[in-house]
Amino acid sequence: MPKIQALRKYLPLAISLPLYVVLACWLPRSAFYGIVPIYGLLFLCYGWYYFSIPRNAHRDGAQLSIGDGRRQRALIMGGLGFGLLMRLGLVFVFPFWSDDIYRFIWDGRLLLAGMDPFAYLPVHFFDGTYTGQLPKGIDQALLDQLNSPNYFTIYPAVCQFVFWLGNVCFPQDIVGAARVMKGCIFLFECGSLFLLWRLCERFHISSKTVLLYALNPLVILELCGNLHFEAAMIFFTLLAIYCFGKATRFADPKKIEAFFPDPPIHWGWLTASAVALGMAVNSKLLPLIILPFLLRQIGLARTFFFGSVVGIVGVLGFASILEWRTALHLMDSVDLYFSNFEFNASVYYLIRGIGYGITGYNIIAFAGSALAVLTLIAIFTLALKDKVFSMSAESWTHFAQWAWLIFLLLATTVHPWYACVLVAFAVLTGYRFAIVWSALLILSYHVYQDSSYTENLWWVALSYALFFVVLFFEWSVKTWNRW
């Protein structure tokens, strides 16, 4: 009987297993009304298992009896094991809700042929612009699978290396190459879980909270399932935070009020942190937005050194794949992201609606650029505002969370997997709005119900209304408690 009762605690995980199989193997992304209820059940199981573990599990196990402490530790390890098992299983499943894989294959085959993937638009190989011999594997059939044949690639060096690796292992097999790429995503996820565990120990947080990321259905399905490189960005960002914590461990624990603090710091670990952040930038460009928060923590001179190392790593990464004459093509892709693409936005859609009423046409070209500038102003204002900072990895993590949230709320395009980094930060900051948002973002898949890809703004409004209610409530409660 005791063994049966112990096994019952794993029931949410047992229920989750067939649900993941159904989503990954049978339901296409167009089956919106089938995906939503199953995804909702996954989140119910996720919450059921998480809240079944007492908060003092493992970290404060001394307060429990030896037997209870072991059982609680087993639940945490069981959750981590299940999360890793699901990720590993999805490595062998072809991406089921994303067609980005074909662009990954395209870029990888160009690299395998010794060509710069930023040099030509995919359509250039078939419209007469490119006059050389077609690289092996670059054909009309693959071009027809691309979702952005008229745009330059936007994937940085770490991504391009993984694309190349997949095609080296399976030059003519898309499924095999996809599995190699997913294997890399799986390794990044293993690293992220390890770093979250270590950071929880350093921040004196219950290790139970690692399960918020380890078992989150959005993270599992979108990263290892659909092959999104936010996994690499999250790993390197967490590594940068971990190394920064090591660099500042000798600092005075008292608050630092000066704008030019001069506490003791370990330069080796600080350099390692900068290298890790440079690798995060080489995975996705977004981690650059958390650099300003170092100004008040380590001072202007040290921030300049840190930023210089990040820049050198970034330049070296891009120099390995990019011809300087085509560097502007990457900038073109970034500009197109802000001025042409729109999906599942919040503030931008409100501005677009007002713009339609005033001008009669879509003002994305102006509004997208303006919101990008506003994002930078908001982040620098948050970083430099007159407030006492502590020089610590905890403080940097806290403000990195708000920087990412500002970016996503002011962005013109918000795909569900963009929120995965906020789920990782939720483990370390104590805020839970990202967990709720990760449950609501599945509603954005309504756009794939037919080939027109037309958004129903009622679904968008519903998801953001619920999210803002949770965000405002949690922020108000935590602000009140601090006051």
Protein backbone atom coordinates (compact mmCIF):
# COMPACT_ATOMS: atom_id res chain seq x y z
CA MET A 1 0.00 0.00 0.00
CA PRO A 2 2.69 2.60 0.82
CA LYS A 3 4.32 1.89 -2.53
CA ILE A 4 1.01 2.30 -4.37
CA GLN A 5 0.35 5.60 -2.60
CA ALA A 6 3.84 6.77 -3.50
CA LEU A 7 3.29 5.89 -7.16
CA ARG A 8 0.00 7.82 -7.19
CA LYS A 9 1.99 11.02 -6.75
CA TYR A 10 3.44 10.41 -10.21
CA LEU A 11 -0.03 10.11 -11.75
CA PRO A 12 0.09 13.60 -13.36
CA LEU A 13 3.24 12.59 -15.21
CA ALA A 14 1.68 9.32 -16.34
CA ILE A 15 -1.35 11.20 -17.70
CA SER A 16 0.91 13.73 -19.46
CA LEU A 17 2.82 11.10 -21.43
CA PRO A 18 0.02 10.10 -23.88
CA LEU A 19 -1.01 13.76 -24.21
CA TYR A 20 2.47 14.66 -25.45
CA VAL A 21 2.35 11.74 -27.88
CA VAL A 22 -0.98 12.93 -29.29
CA LEU A 23 0.23 16.51 -29.76
CA ALA A 24 3.57 15.52 -31.27
CA CYS A 25 2.47 12.66 -33.51
CA TRP A 26 -1.15 13.17 -34.55
CA LEU A 27 -2.36 16.74 -34.29
CA PRO A 28 -1.12 19.22 -36.93
CA ARG A 29 -1.01 22.89 -35.97
CA SER A 30 -4.17 23.48 -38.00
CA ALA A 31 -6.17 21.36 -35.51
CA PHE A 32 -6.64 24.32 -33.16
CA TYR A 33 -9.74 23.01 -31.38
CA GLY A 34 -8.00 19.70 -30.75
CA ILE A 35 -4.72 21.24 -29.58
CA VAL A 36 -6.18 23.68 -27.05
CA PRO A 37 -7.99 21.19 -24.75
CA ILE A 38 -5.09 18.70 -24.77
CA TYR A 39 -2.60 21.50 -24.11
CA GLY A 40 -4.87 22.71 -21.30
CA LEU A 41 -4.88 19.23 -19.76
CA LEU A 42 -1.10 19.20 -19.92
CA PHE A 43 -0.99 22.43 -17.93
CA LEU A 44 -3.42 21.02 -15.38
CA CYS A 45 -1.15 17.99 -14.90
CA TYR A 46 1.86 20.33 -14.75
CA GLY A 47 0.29 22.38 -11.96
CA TRP A 48 -1.08 19.30 -10.19
CA TYR A 49 2.36 17.71 -9.96
CA TYR A 50 4.15 20.93 -9.02
CA PHE A 51 1.79 21.85 -6.18
CA SER A 52 1.78 18.29 -4.86
CA ILE A 53 5.40 18.83 -3.75
CA PRO A 54 5.75 20.82 -0.51
CA ARG A 55 7.71 24.03 -0.92
CA ASN A 56 10.31 22.97 1.60
CA ALA A 57 11.17 19.89 -0.43
CA HIS A 58 14.85 19.01 -0.70
CA ARG A 59 16.34 22.43 0.09
CA ASP A 60 14.88 22.42 3.60
CA GLY A 61 14.61 18.67 3.88
CA ALA A 62 16.04 18.78 7.39
CA GLN A 63 12.64 19.99 8.57
CA LEU A 64 11.08 16.75 7.37
CA SER A 65 11.59 13.23 8.59
CA ILE A 66 14.32 11.32 6.77
CA GLY A 67 11.75 9.20 4.92
CA ASP A 68 9.61 12.19 3.91
CA GLY A 69 12.68 14.11 2.80
CA ARG A 70 13.73 11.24 0.56
CA ARG A 71 10.27 10.91 -0.95
CA GLN A 72 10.07 14.63 -1.67
CA ARG A 73 13.51 14.60 -3.24
CA ALA A 74 12.40 11.62 -5.34
CA LEU A 75 9.42 13.65 -6.61
CA ILE A 76 11.68 16.48 -7.69
CA MET A 77 14.12 14.13 -9.39
CA GLY A 78 11.22 12.24 -10.95
CA GLY A 79 9.89 15.49 -12.41
CA LEU A 80 13.30 16.40 -13.80
CA GLY A 81 13.70 12.92 -15.24
CA PHE A 82 10.28 13.09 -16.91
CA GLY A 83 11.07 16.50 -18.38
CA LEU A 84 14.32 15.20 -19.84
CA LEU A 85 12.60 12.04 -21.11
CA MET A 86 9.98 14.08 -22.98
CA ARG A 87 12.66 16.28 -24.51
CA LEU A 88 14.71 13.26 -25.58
CA GLY A 89 11.66 11.55 -27.08
CA LEU A 90 10.82 14.65 -29.13
CA VAL A 91 14.32 14.63 -30.63
CA PHE A 92 13.18 11.73 -32.82
CA VAL A 93 9.94 13.41 -33.93
CA PHE A 94 10.04 15.66 -36.99
CA PRO A 95 9.07 19.28 -36.11
CA PHE A 96 5.29 19.16 -36.03
CA TRP A 97 4.14 22.78 -35.65
CA SER A 98 6.90 24.68 -37.45
CA ASP A 99 8.23 24.78 -40.99
CA ASP A 100 11.39 26.72 -40.04
CA ILE A 101 13.30 23.45 -40.36
CA TYR A 102 13.43 23.86 -44.13
CA ARG A 103 15.24 27.19 -43.82
CA PHE A 104 17.64 25.51 -41.39
CA ILE A 105 18.33 22.82 -43.99
CA TRP A 106 18.72 25.46 -46.71
CA ASP A 107 21.30 27.47 -44.75
CA GLY A 108 23.13 24.31 -43.67
CA ARG A 109 23.46 23.05 -47.24
CA LEU A 110 24.85 26.40 -48.36
CA LEU A 111 27.42 26.29 -45.56
CA LEU A 112 28.30 22.72 -46.47
CA ALA A 113 28.99 23.95 -50.01
CA GLY A 114 31.27 26.68 -48.61
CA MET A 115 28.81 29.50 -49.37
CA ASP A 116 27.68 32.43 -47.25
CA PRO A 117 23.99 31.90 -46.33
CA PHE A 118 23.57 35.68 -45.99
CA ALA A 119 24.79 36.44 -49.51
CA TYR A 120 21.68 35.56 -51.54
CA LEU A 121 17.94 35.41 -51.13
CA PRO A 122 16.69 31.85 -51.70
CA VAL A 123 14.77 33.00 -54.79
CA HIS A 124 18.03 34.37 -56.25
CA PHE A 125 19.14 30.83 -57.04
CA PHE A 126 16.23 30.39 -59.48
CA ASP A 127 15.50 33.87 -60.87
CA GLY A 128 18.80 34.36 -62.70
CA THR A 129 20.56 36.47 -60.05
CA TYR A 130 22.89 33.62 -59.10
CA THR A 131 24.84 32.48 -62.14
CA GLY A 132 27.01 29.73 -60.65
CA GLN A 133 26.34 26.04 -60.27
CA LEU A 134 23.60 25.22 -57.77
CA PRO A 135 24.97 23.80 -54.50
CA LYS A 136 24.13 20.18 -53.84
CA GLY A 137 20.71 19.80 -52.28
CA ILE A 138 19.53 23.31 -53.23
CA ASP A 139 16.57 22.70 -55.52
CA GLN A 140 13.08 23.93 -56.36
CA ALA A 141 11.43 21.34 -54.13
CA LEU A 142 13.24 22.67 -51.05
CA LEU A 143 12.60 26.27 -52.08
CA ASP A 144 8.87 25.57 -52.21
CA GLN A 145 8.99 24.44 -48.56
CA LEU A 146 10.51 27.71 -47.28
CA ASN A 147 8.22 30.12 -45.45
CA SER A 148 10.42 33.14 -46.26
CA PRO A 149 12.12 32.66 -49.65
CA ASN A 150 12.13 36.42 -50.27
CA TYR A 151 14.01 37.32 -47.09
CA PHE A 152 17.63 36.98 -46.05
CA THR A 153 18.31 34.55 -43.23
CA ILE A 154 18.31 36.02 -39.72
CA TYR A 155 19.93 33.15 -37.81
CA PRO A 156 23.26 33.98 -36.09
CA ALA A 157 26.45 31.97 -35.82
CA VAL A 158 25.52 29.37 -33.17
CA CYS A 159 22.39 28.50 -35.14
CA GLN A 160 24.33 28.33 -38.39
CA PHE A 161 26.87 25.98 -36.82
CA VAL A 162 24.07 23.62 -35.77
CA PHE A 163 22.56 23.84 -39.28
CA TRP A 164 25.95 22.95 -40.75
CA LEU A 165 26.44 20.08 -38.29
CA GLY A 166 23.06 18.56 -39.14
CA ASN A 167 23.84 18.65 -42.84
CA VAL A 168 27.35 17.28 -42.36
CA CYS A 169 25.87 14.23 -40.63
CA PHE A 170 22.97 13.83 -43.11
CA PRO A 171 23.72 15.77 -46.32
CA GLN A 172 20.65 14.54 -48.22
CA ASP A 173 18.32 13.45 -45.41
CA ILE A 174 16.15 16.22 -43.95
CA VAL A 175 14.74 13.99 -41.21
CA GLY A 176 18.20 12.85 -40.11
CA ALA A 177 19.57 16.39 -40.16
CA ALA A 178 16.59 17.57 -38.10
CA ARG A 179 17.33 14.91 -35.48
CA VAL A 180 20.94 16.05 -35.19
CA MET A 181 19.79 19.66 -34.74
CA LYS A 182 17.23 18.57 -32.16
CA GLY A 183 19.95 16.63 -30.38
CA CYS A 184 21.86 19.91 -30.00
CA ILE A 185 18.71 21.59 -28.63
CA PHE A 186 18.36 18.71 -26.16
CA LEU A 187 21.94 19.24 -24.94
CA PHE A 188 21.29 22.97 -24.51
CA GLU A 189 18.18 22.15 -22.48
CA CYS A 190 20.14 19.74 -20.27
CA GLY A 191 22.64 22.52 -19.64
CA SER A 192 19.86 25.01 -18.83
CA LEU A 193 18.30 22.67 -16.27
CA PHE A 194 21.69 22.11 -14.63
CA LEU A 195 22.36 25.85 -14.45
CA LEU A 196 18.87 26.57 -13.06
CA TRP A 197 19.49 23.98 -10.35
CA ARG A 198 22.83 25.56 -9.42
CA LEU A 199 21.40 29.09 -9.54
CA CYS A 200 18.55 28.05 -7.27
CA GLU A 201 21.13 26.84 -4.76
CA ARG A 202 23.02 30.11 -5.03
CA PHE A 203 19.88 32.25 -4.74
CA HIS A 204 18.60 30.12 -1.81
CA ILE A 205 15.48 29.13 -3.73
CA SER A 206 13.73 25.79 -3.33
CA SER A 207 15.00 23.42 -6.01
CA LYS A 208 11.37 22.48 -6.60
CA THR A 209 11.06 25.66 -8.69
CA VAL A 210 13.32 24.16 -11.39
CA LEU A 211 10.27 22.07 -12.32
CA LEU A 212 8.55 25.26 -13.48
CA TYR A 213 10.89 25.13 -16.46
CA ALA A 214 11.60 21.40 -16.63
CA LEU A 215 7.93 20.39 -16.94
CA ASN A 216 6.50 23.45 -18.71
CA PRO A 217 4.56 22.17 -21.77
CA LEU A 218 5.32 25.26 -23.86
CA VAL A 219 9.07 24.87 -23.29
CA ILE A 220 9.05 21.14 -24.01
CA LEU A 221 6.88 21.32 -27.14
CA GLU A 222 8.35 24.44 -28.73
CA LEU A 223 12.07 24.00 -28.05
CA CYS A 224 12.85 20.30 -28.41
CA GLY A 225 9.58 19.59 -30.20
CA ASN A 226 9.56 22.34 -32.82
CA LEU A 227 13.31 23.03 -32.95
CA HIS A 228 13.56 26.65 -31.84
CA PHE A 229 16.93 28.09 -30.92
CA GLU A 230 15.69 30.00 -27.91
CA ALA A 231 17.06 26.90 -26.16
CA ALA A 232 20.64 27.95 -27.03
CA MET A 233 19.97 31.56 -26.08
CA ILE A 234 18.52 30.54 -22.70
CA PHE A 235 21.46 28.25 -21.94
CA PHE A 236 24.12 30.85 -22.70
CA THR A 237 22.19 33.62 -20.91
CA LEU A 238 21.89 31.47 -17.77
CA LEU A 239 25.58 30.62 -18.08
CA ALA A 240 26.39 34.35 -18.23
CA ILE A 241 24.30 34.95 -15.09
CA TYR A 242 25.96 32.01 -13.30
CA CYS A 243 29.48 33.24 -14.14
CA PHE A 244 28.51 36.78 -13.13
CA GLY A 245 27.45 35.43 -9.75
CA LYS A 246 30.86 33.78 -9.41
CA ALA A 247 32.58 37.05 -10.38
CA THR A 248 30.73 39.07 -7.73
CA ARG A 249 30.80 36.56 -4.89
CA PHE A 250 33.49 38.59 -3.06
CA ALA A 251 31.54 41.85 -3.35
CA ASP A 252 30.23 43.61 -0.28
CA PRO A 253 26.70 42.25 0.28
CA LYS A 254 25.51 45.74 1.31
CA LYS A 255 23.62 47.81 -1.22
CA ILE A 256 25.70 49.82 -3.67
CA GLU A 257 24.39 53.32 -4.19
CA ALA A 258 27.18 54.88 -6.26
CA PHE A 259 26.89 55.05 -10.04
CA PHE A 260 30.57 54.08 -10.26
CA PRO A 261 30.88 51.23 -7.74
CA ASP A 262 34.31 49.79 -7.11
CA PRO A 263 33.79 46.56 -5.17
CA PRO A 264 36.11 43.56 -5.50
CA ILE A 265 35.38 41.41 -8.53
CA HIS A 266 36.87 38.28 -10.07
CA TRP A 267 38.00 39.29 -13.56
CA GLY A 268 38.29 35.74 -14.85
CA TRP A 269 34.68 34.91 -14.06
CA LEU A 270 33.57 38.32 -15.33
CA THR A 271 35.27 37.61 -18.66
CA ALA A 272 33.67 34.15 -18.76
CA SER A 273 30.28 35.78 -18.18
CA ALA A 274 30.88 38.19 -21.07
CA VAL A 275 31.95 35.34 -23.37
CA ALA A 276 28.80 33.41 -22.45
CA LEU A 277 26.61 36.44 -23.18
CA GLY A 278 28.43 36.88 -26.49
CA MET A 279 27.53 33.29 -27.35
CA ALA A 280 23.91 34.05 -26.37
CA VAL A 281 23.98 36.97 -28.82
CA ASN A 282 25.37 34.56 -31.41
CA SER A 283 22.29 32.40 -30.78
CA LYS A 284 19.74 35.23 -30.89
CA LEU A 285 20.50 38.94 -30.94
CA LEU A 286 18.10 39.73 -28.09
CA PRO A 287 20.40 39.20 -25.06
CA LEU A 288 22.03 42.54 -25.89
CA ILE A 289 19.07 44.22 -24.17
CA ILE A 290 20.26 43.11 -20.72
CA LEU A 291 23.68 44.79 -20.99
CA PRO A 292 22.54 48.25 -19.74
CA PHE A 293 21.68 46.84 -16.32
CA LEU A 294 25.37 46.31 -15.59
CA LEU A 295 26.06 50.06 -15.54
CA ARG A 296 24.71 50.51 -12.02
CA GLN A 297 26.12 47.19 -10.83
CA ILE A 298 29.75 47.12 -11.91
CA GLY A 299 30.31 50.67 -13.09
CA LEU A 300 30.96 52.32 -16.43
CA ALA A 301 34.53 51.09 -16.98
CA ARG A 302 33.78 47.47 -16.18
CA THR A 303 30.60 47.56 -18.26
CA PHE A 304 32.64 48.89 -21.18
CA PHE A 305 35.08 45.97 -20.75
CA PHE A 306 32.19 43.51 -20.47
CA GLY A 307 30.46 44.91 -23.55
CA SER A 308 33.73 44.87 -25.50
CA VAL A 309 34.21 41.16 -24.81
CA VAL A 310 30.59 40.49 -25.83
CA GLY A 311 31.20 42.45 -29.03
CA ILE A 312 34.45 40.63 -29.84
CA VAL A 313 32.79 37.23 -29.35
CA GLY A 314 29.86 38.33 -31.50
CA VAL A 315 32.10 39.62 -34.29
CA LEU A 316 34.26 36.49 -34.25
CA GLY A 317 31.16 34.31 -34.43
CA PHE A 318 29.74 36.15 -37.41
CA ALA A 319 33.14 36.48 -39.09
CA SER A 320 33.33 32.70 -39.27
CA ILE A 321 30.27 32.53 -41.55
CA LEU A 322 29.76 36.01 -42.94
CA GLU A 323 31.45 37.89 -45.73
CA TRP A 324 31.71 41.55 -44.78
CA ARG A 325 30.12 42.64 -48.05
CA THR A 326 26.95 40.78 -47.05
CA ALA A 327 26.83 41.96 -43.42
CA LEU A 328 24.17 44.51 -44.33
CA HIS A 329 21.85 41.69 -45.38
CA LEU A 330 21.61 40.61 -41.76
CA MET A 331 20.70 44.17 -40.79
CA ASP A 332 18.07 44.14 -43.52
CA SER A 333 16.53 41.04 -41.96
CA VAL A 334 16.48 42.67 -38.52
CA ASP A 335 14.86 45.79 -39.97
CA LEU A 336 12.23 43.68 -41.74
CA TYR A 337 11.41 42.00 -38.44
CA PHE A 338 10.43 45.33 -36.92
CA SER A 339 8.88 47.01 -39.96
CA ASN A 340 7.14 44.21 -41.93
CA PHE A 341 6.20 41.26 -39.72
CA GLU A 342 3.25 41.30 -37.34
CA PHE A 343 1.84 38.47 -35.27
CA ASN A 344 0.16 38.12 -31.87
CA ALA A 345 1.22 41.60 -30.71
CA SER A 346 -0.33 43.62 -27.88
CA VAL A 347 0.59 47.33 -27.73
CA TYR A 348 1.41 47.40 -31.43
CA TYR A 349 -2.06 46.16 -32.42
CA LEU A 350 -3.64 48.97 -30.42
CA ILE A 351 -1.42 51.51 -32.17
CA ARG A 352 -2.13 49.90 -35.54
CA GLY A 353 -5.86 50.22 -34.93
CA ILE A 354 -5.52 53.90 -34.10
CA GLY A 355 -3.31 54.35 -37.16
CA TYR A 356 -5.92 52.75 -39.41
CA GLY A 357 -8.52 55.15 -38.06
CA ILE A 358 -6.33 58.20 -38.72
CA THR A 359 -4.51 57.34 -41.95
CA GLY A 360 -6.58 54.55 -43.47
CA TYR A 361 -3.59 52.22 -43.96
CA ASN A 362 -1.25 49.99 -41.94
CA ILE A 363 1.42 52.13 -40.24
CA ILE A 364 3.74 49.23 -39.34
CA ALA A 365 6.71 50.79 -41.16
CA PHE A 366 6.57 53.76 -38.77
CA ALA A 367 5.08 52.12 -35.70
CA GLY A 368 7.47 49.14 -35.72
CA SER A 369 10.57 51.34 -35.79
CA ALA A 370 9.09 53.73 -33.22
CA LEU A 371 8.30 50.88 -30.85
CA ALA A 372 11.84 49.52 -31.25
CA VAL A 373 13.22 52.91 -30.21
CA LEU A 374 10.71 53.10 -27.36
CA THR A 375 11.85 49.66 -26.20
CA LEU A 376 15.45 50.84 -25.96
CA ILE A 377 14.42 54.03 -24.13
CA ALA A 378 12.31 52.06 -21.65
CA ILE A 379 15.10 49.55 -20.97
CA PHE A 380 17.75 52.23 -20.45
CA THR A 381 15.36 54.18 -18.22
CA LEU A 382 14.75 51.09 -16.11
CA ALA A 383 18.48 50.39 -15.95
CA LEU A 384 19.54 53.89 -14.96
CA LYS A 385 16.67 55.02 -12.77
CA ASP A 386 17.53 56.35 -9.34
CA LYS A 387 17.29 53.21 -7.26
CA VAL A 388 19.64 51.32 -4.99
CA PHE A 389 21.07 48.25 -6.68
CA SER A 390 22.87 45.26 -5.24
CA MET A 391 25.79 43.94 -7.24
CA SER A 392 24.61 40.38 -7.71
CA ALA A 393 23.44 37.84 -10.22
CA GLU A 394 20.02 37.97 -8.54
CA SER A 395 19.61 41.66 -9.35
CA TRP A 396 20.76 41.19 -12.96
CA THR A 397 18.29 38.31 -13.40
CA HIS A 398 15.46 40.37 -11.95
CA PHE A 399 15.97 43.24 -14.37
CA ALA A 400 16.68 40.96 -17.33
CA GLN A 401 13.18 39.58 -16.80
CA TRP A 402 11.63 43.04 -17.05
CA ALA A 403 13.75 43.92 -20.09
CA TRP A 404 12.48 40.84 -21.93
CA LEU A 405 8.91 41.59 -20.91
CA ILE A 406 9.20 45.17 -22.18
CA PHE A 407 10.56 43.91 -25.49
CA LEU A 408 7.77 41.36 -25.97
CA LEU A 409 4.99 43.77 -25.02
CA LEU A 410 6.24 46.38 -27.51
CA ALA A 411 7.17 43.92 -30.28
CA THR A 412 5.22 43.61 -33.53
CA THR A 413 5.72 39.83 -33.57
CA VAL A 414 5.36 37.55 -30.53
CA HIS A 415 5.58 33.85 -31.31
CA PRO A 416 4.78 31.50 -28.38
CA TRP A 417 8.34 30.24 -28.02
CA TYR A 418 9.59 33.80 -27.37
CA ALA A 419 8.18 33.50 -23.84
CA CYS A 420 10.33 30.47 -22.94
CA VAL A 421 13.12 32.71 -21.64
CA LEU A 422 10.63 34.38 -19.27
CA VAL A 423 9.70 30.92 -17.96
CA ALA A 424 13.39 30.35 -17.16
CA PHE A 425 13.58 33.69 -15.35
CA ALA A 426 10.40 32.81 -13.43
CA VAL A 427 12.35 30.02 -11.72
CA LEU A 428 14.80 32.56 -10.30
CA THR A 429 12.78 35.73 -9.70
CA GLY A 430 9.68 34.46 -7.91
CA TYR A 431 7.29 35.96 -10.48
CA ARG A 432 4.80 33.58 -12.04
CA PHE A 433 3.09 35.68 -14.75
CA ALA A 434 5.29 34.02 -17.40
CA ILE A 435 3.90 30.61 -16.42
CA VAL A 436 0.35 31.84 -17.01
CA TRP A 437 1.38 33.46 -20.29
CA SER A 438 2.97 30.21 -21.47
CA ALA A 439 -0.43 28.57 -21.02
CA LEU A 440 -2.31 31.32 -22.88
CA LEU A 441 0.04 31.64 -25.86
CA ILE A 442 -1.33 28.46 -27.40
CA LEU A 443 -4.35 30.56 -28.41
CA SER A 444 -2.16 32.25 -31.03
CA TYR A 445 -2.24 28.97 -33.01
CA HIS A 446 -5.76 29.83 -34.15
CA VAL A 447 -4.11 31.59 -37.10
CA TYR A 448 -3.06 28.25 -38.63
CA GLN A 449 -6.60 26.86 -38.98
CA ASP A 450 -6.59 27.62 -42.71
CA SER A 451 -4.08 28.63 -45.36
CA SER A 452 -5.05 32.32 -45.21
CA TYR A 453 -3.25 32.69 -41.84
CA THR A 454 -5.68 35.40 -40.79
CA GLU A 455 -5.61 36.39 -37.14
CA ASN A 456 -8.80 36.54 -35.13
CA LEU A 457 -8.17 39.54 -32.88
CA TRP A 458 -10.75 38.28 -30.36
CA TRP A 459 -8.44 35.37 -29.53
CA VAL A 460 -5.49 37.76 -29.27
CA ALA A 461 -7.47 40.14 -27.06
CA LEU A 462 -8.63 37.30 -24.78
CA SER A 463 -5.12 35.94 -24.22
CA TYR A 464 -3.61 39.35 -23.50
CA ALA A 465 -6.51 40.46 -21.30
CA LEU A 466 -6.06 37.42 -19.06
CA PHE A 467 -2.29 37.87 -19.08
CA PHE A 468 -2.43 41.55 -18.10
CA VAL A 469 -4.86 40.77 -15.28
CA VAL A 470 -2.42 38.22 -13.84
CA LEU A 471 0.59 40.49 -14.41
CA PHE A 472 -1.06 43.48 -12.73
CA PHE A 473 -2.33 41.39 -9.81
CA GLU A 474 1.05 39.76 -9.15
CA TRP A 475 2.96 43.02 -9.51
CA SER A 476 0.52 44.79 -7.18
CA VAL A 477 0.73 42.07 -4.52
CA LYS A 478 4.53 41.96 -4.57
CA THR A 479 4.77 45.77 -4.54
CA TRP A 480 2.38 45.92 -1.58
CA ASN A 481 4.31 43.25 0.30
CA ARG A 482 7.59 45.12 -0.23
CA TRP A 483 5.96 48.38 0.91
